[in-house]
N, C-alpha and C. Protein backbone atom coordinates (compact mmCIF):
# COMPACT_ATOMS: atom_id res chain seq x y z
N MET A 1 0.83 -1.10 -0.06
CA MET A 1 -0.07 0.01 -0.23
C MET A 1 0.77 1.27 -0.06
N ASN A 2 1.99 1.31 0.83
CA ASN A 2 2.92 2.36 0.71
C ASN A 2 3.62 2.50 -0.97
N MET A 3 3.61 1.70 -1.53
CA MET A 3 3.90 1.90 -2.93
C MET A 3 2.88 2.59 -3.75
N LEU A 4 1.52 2.53 -3.49
CA LEU A 4 0.84 3.28 -4.03
C LEU A 4 0.60 4.71 -3.53
N LYS A 5 0.87 4.89 -2.41
CA LYS A 5 0.80 6.31 -1.92
C LYS A 5 1.93 7.06 -2.58
N ASP A 6 3.28 6.54 -2.81
CA ASP A 6 4.29 7.14 -3.36
C ASP A 6 4.21 7.36 -4.78
N LEU A 7 3.08 6.70 -5.67
CA LEU A 7 2.89 6.93 -7.09
C LEU A 7 2.30 8.30 -7.16
N MET A 8 1.75 8.94 -6.01
CA MET A 8 1.00 10.21 -6.35
C MET A 8 2.19 11.56 -6.07
N TRP A 9 3.38 11.01 -5.52
CA TRP A 9 4.33 12.06 -5.42
C TRP A 9 5.10 12.17 -6.81
N LYS A 10 5.02 13.39 -7.37
CA LYS A 10 5.82 13.58 -8.80
C LYS A 10 6.87 14.55 -8.61
N PRO A 11 7.99 14.31 -9.35
CA PRO A 11 9.03 15.22 -9.21
C PRO A 11 8.92 16.49 -9.76
N LEU A 12 9.40 17.55 -9.07
CA LEU A 12 9.21 18.91 -9.57
C LEU A 12 10.49 19.18 -10.44
N HIS A 13 10.21 19.43 -11.64
CA HIS A 13 11.27 19.67 -12.64
C HIS A 13 11.70 21.18 -12.66
N PRO A 14 12.92 21.30 -13.09
CA PRO A 14 13.33 22.94 -13.38
C PRO A 14 12.25 23.43 -14.32
N GLY A 15 11.99 24.67 -13.97
CA GLY A 15 11.11 25.48 -14.83
C GLY A 15 9.66 25.23 -14.51
N GLU A 16 9.21 24.16 -13.64
CA GLU A 16 7.77 24.04 -13.38
C GLU A 16 7.46 25.02 -12.10
N LEU A 17 6.34 25.64 -12.08
CA LEU A 17 6.10 26.38 -11.23
C LEU A 17 5.15 25.80 -10.08
N VAL A 18 5.15 26.29 -8.78
CA VAL A 18 4.10 26.01 -7.73
C VAL A 18 3.13 27.00 -7.54
N VAL A 19 2.11 26.43 -6.73
CA VAL A 19 1.07 27.61 -6.29
C VAL A 19 0.83 27.45 -4.87
N VAL A 20 0.50 28.30 -4.13
CA VAL A 20 0.21 28.46 -2.62
C VAL A 20 -0.82 27.05 -2.61
N GLY A 21 -0.37 26.44 -1.41
CA GLY A 21 -1.42 25.39 -0.89
C GLY A 21 -0.68 24.06 -1.34
N ASP A 22 0.36 24.04 -2.52
CA ASP A 22 0.81 22.79 -2.95
C ASP A 22 1.59 22.26 -1.68
N ALA A 23 1.46 20.72 -1.90
CA ALA A 23 2.38 20.07 -0.61
C ALA A 23 3.65 19.40 -1.37
N ILE A 24 4.91 19.71 -0.91
CA ILE A 24 6.11 19.23 -1.36
C ILE A 24 6.85 18.73 -0.38
N ARG A 25 7.90 17.75 -0.77
CA ARG A 25 8.72 17.30 0.05
C ARG A 25 9.93 17.13 -0.67
N TYR A 26 11.20 17.17 0.04
CA TYR A 26 12.53 17.02 -0.45
C TYR A 26 12.62 15.48 -1.11
N GLN A 27 13.17 15.32 -2.12
CA GLN A 27 13.39 14.11 -2.81
C GLN A 27 14.73 13.50 -2.49
N ARG A 28 14.56 12.27 -1.86
CA ARG A 28 15.84 11.78 -1.41
C ARG A 28 16.50 10.88 -2.46
N GLU A 29 17.75 10.66 -2.29
CA GLU A 29 18.64 9.82 -3.28
C GLU A 29 17.92 8.32 -3.25
N GLY A 30 17.98 7.69 -4.34
CA GLY A 30 17.14 6.61 -4.87
C GLY A 30 15.73 6.42 -4.34
N ARG A 31 15.13 7.49 -4.17
CA ARG A 31 13.69 7.55 -3.91
C ARG A 31 13.32 6.81 -2.67
N GLN A 32 14.15 6.79 -1.84
CA GLN A 32 14.04 6.02 -0.49
C GLN A 32 13.08 7.09 0.54
N GLN A 33 11.84 6.91 0.48
CA GLN A 33 11.00 7.92 1.29
C GLN A 33 10.17 7.02 2.27
N ASN A 34 9.78 7.57 3.50
CA ASN A 34 9.19 6.92 4.36
C ASN A 34 7.95 7.76 4.90
N ALA A 35 7.13 7.48 5.69
CA ALA A 35 5.83 8.03 6.10
C ALA A 35 6.29 9.37 6.96
N ALA A 36 7.43 9.14 7.70
CA ALA A 36 7.78 10.31 8.68
C ALA A 36 8.57 11.48 7.96
N ASP A 37 8.70 11.39 6.48
CA ASP A 37 9.30 12.43 5.86
C ASP A 37 8.57 13.75 6.15
N ASP A 38 9.37 14.82 6.27
CA ASP A 38 8.85 16.05 6.30
C ASP A 38 7.97 16.60 5.11
N ILE A 39 6.66 17.13 5.29
CA ILE A 39 5.83 17.55 4.14
C ILE A 39 5.83 19.05 4.54
N TYR A 40 6.07 19.88 3.46
CA TYR A 40 6.05 21.37 3.59
C TYR A 40 4.74 21.74 2.66
N GLU A 41 4.25 23.04 2.83
CA GLU A 41 3.22 23.55 2.17
C GLU A 41 3.76 24.95 1.66
N VAL A 42 3.47 25.32 0.31
CA VAL A 42 3.88 26.46 -0.41
C VAL A 42 2.97 27.51 0.43
N VAL A 43 3.49 28.56 0.90
CA VAL A 43 2.74 29.61 1.58
C VAL A 43 2.80 30.90 0.87
N LYS A 44 3.75 31.19 -0.08
CA LYS A 44 3.96 32.40 -1.09
C LYS A 44 4.65 31.85 -2.39
N GLU A 45 4.21 32.44 -3.21
CA GLU A 45 4.86 32.26 -4.68
C GLU A 45 5.16 33.63 -5.22
N ASP A 46 6.13 33.69 -6.03
CA ASP A 46 6.70 34.70 -6.60
C ASP A 46 7.15 34.32 -8.12
N GLN A 47 7.47 35.22 -9.10
CA GLN A 47 8.03 34.86 -10.32
C GLN A 47 9.38 34.08 -9.96
N HIS A 48 10.05 34.35 -9.27
CA HIS A 48 11.48 33.97 -9.14
C HIS A 48 11.74 32.99 -7.93
N TYR A 49 10.89 32.99 -6.91
CA TYR A 49 10.99 32.07 -5.85
C TYR A 49 9.72 31.67 -5.13
N PHE A 50 9.54 30.80 -4.19
CA PHE A 50 8.48 30.52 -3.42
C PHE A 50 8.91 30.19 -2.06
N VAL A 51 8.08 30.40 -0.95
CA VAL A 51 8.35 30.02 0.28
C VAL A 51 7.50 28.78 0.84
N ILE A 52 8.29 28.10 1.68
CA ILE A 52 7.61 26.72 2.21
C ILE A 52 7.43 26.82 3.50
N GLY A 53 6.59 26.23 4.13
CA GLY A 53 6.57 26.05 5.62
C GLY A 53 6.23 24.65 5.95
N LEU A 54 6.91 24.12 7.03
CA LEU A 54 6.74 22.70 7.58
C LEU A 54 5.23 22.64 8.00
N LYS A 55 4.75 21.35 7.57
CA LYS A 55 3.24 21.53 7.94
C LYS A 55 3.30 20.19 8.86
N PRO A 56 3.10 20.27 10.08
CA PRO A 56 3.23 19.17 11.12
C PRO A 56 1.78 18.40 10.84
N ALA A 57 1.98 17.22 11.12
CA ALA A 57 0.79 16.20 11.05
C ALA A 57 -0.29 16.80 11.97
N GLY A 58 -1.51 16.96 11.47
CA GLY A 58 -2.76 17.32 12.01
C GLY A 58 -2.82 18.73 12.09
N ALA A 59 -2.13 19.56 11.63
CA ALA A 59 -1.95 21.11 11.78
C ALA A 59 -2.74 21.56 10.60
N SER A 60 -3.42 22.51 10.75
CA SER A 60 -4.14 23.20 9.71
C SER A 60 -3.38 24.14 8.91
N SER A 61 -2.32 24.39 9.45
CA SER A 61 -1.43 25.60 8.59
C SER A 61 0.13 25.22 9.08
N PRO A 62 0.87 25.72 8.06
CA PRO A 62 2.32 25.49 8.35
C PRO A 62 2.89 26.19 9.67
N ASP A 63 3.82 25.98 10.15
CA ASP A 63 4.60 26.50 11.42
C ASP A 63 5.41 27.68 10.86
N PRO A 64 5.13 28.88 10.99
CA PRO A 64 5.87 30.18 10.47
C PRO A 64 7.30 30.05 10.87
N ASP A 65 7.78 29.23 11.95
CA ASP A 65 9.19 29.49 12.21
C ASP A 65 9.98 28.56 11.37
N THR A 66 9.28 27.66 10.63
CA THR A 66 10.14 26.95 9.61
C THR A 66 9.95 27.18 8.25
N ARG A 67 9.77 28.53 7.81
CA ARG A 67 9.70 29.06 6.52
C ARG A 67 11.00 29.02 6.01
N LYS A 68 11.01 28.67 4.65
CA LYS A 68 12.37 28.46 3.84
C LYS A 68 12.09 29.18 2.56
N ILE A 69 13.07 29.97 1.97
CA ILE A 69 12.91 30.57 0.58
C ILE A 69 13.51 29.59 -0.19
N ILE A 70 12.89 29.34 -1.52
CA ILE A 70 13.46 28.56 -2.57
C ILE A 70 13.47 29.30 -3.76
N ARG A 71 14.48 29.34 -4.28
CA ARG A 71 14.63 29.87 -5.61
C ARG A 71 14.54 29.01 -6.60
N TYR A 72 13.53 29.23 -7.72
CA TYR A 72 13.40 28.28 -8.91
C TYR A 72 14.69 27.94 -9.51
N ILE A 73 15.56 28.72 -9.56
CA ILE A 73 16.65 28.59 -10.23
C ILE A 73 17.50 27.33 -9.55
N ASP A 74 17.28 27.10 -8.29
CA ASP A 74 18.00 26.15 -7.58
C ASP A 74 17.32 24.83 -7.79
N ILE A 75 16.23 24.65 -8.22
CA ILE A 75 15.40 23.33 -8.33
C ILE A 75 16.28 22.51 -9.47
N GLY A 76 16.64 21.31 -8.89
CA GLY A 76 17.37 20.29 -10.04
C GLY A 76 18.79 20.56 -9.73
N TYR A 77 19.21 21.57 -9.33
CA TYR A 77 20.61 21.83 -9.05
C TYR A 77 21.05 21.57 -7.70
N ASN A 78 20.51 22.39 -6.72
CA ASN A 78 20.82 22.43 -5.27
C ASN A 78 19.76 21.53 -4.59
N PHE A 79 18.40 21.42 -5.15
CA PHE A 79 17.40 20.89 -4.37
C PHE A 79 16.76 20.06 -5.37
N GLN A 80 16.21 18.82 -4.88
CA GLN A 80 15.33 18.03 -5.54
C GLN A 80 14.00 17.85 -4.73
N PHE A 81 12.80 18.26 -5.46
CA PHE A 81 11.56 18.17 -4.75
C PHE A 81 10.54 17.22 -5.21
N GLU A 82 9.49 16.89 -4.61
CA GLU A 82 8.49 16.18 -5.35
C GLU A 82 7.27 16.84 -4.76
N ARG A 83 6.24 17.04 -5.70
CA ARG A 83 5.04 17.57 -5.46
C ARG A 83 3.86 16.61 -5.48
N TRP A 84 2.95 16.77 -4.38
CA TRP A 84 1.57 15.88 -4.33
C TRP A 84 0.75 15.96 -5.56
N CYS A 85 0.58 15.18 -6.31
CA CYS A 85 -0.63 15.33 -7.36
C CYS A 85 -1.68 14.47 -6.85
N ALA A 86 -2.86 14.98 -6.67
CA ALA A 86 -4.03 14.46 -6.36
C ALA A 86 -4.74 13.94 -7.44
N LYS A 87 -4.32 14.01 -8.72
CA LYS A 87 -4.98 13.65 -10.11
C LYS A 87 -4.76 12.19 -10.26
């Protein structure tokens, strides 16, 4: 069943944009993920960057103390992300 859950996580490729409310997580080497991996929510978007906040399990909004700024230019080079796709 865990394998089916991971099928919904899709890589975020360079040039792809995110929207406020997207759930993303860091992609690990070898795609070794587990249920305890940190899930982040996009809380702000801009043309050149977006801001993510750690969303604790059961919380309705991300923790403001855990916000990170991610530049789109860094995706694929310095950071690897996956986005939750509910389709």
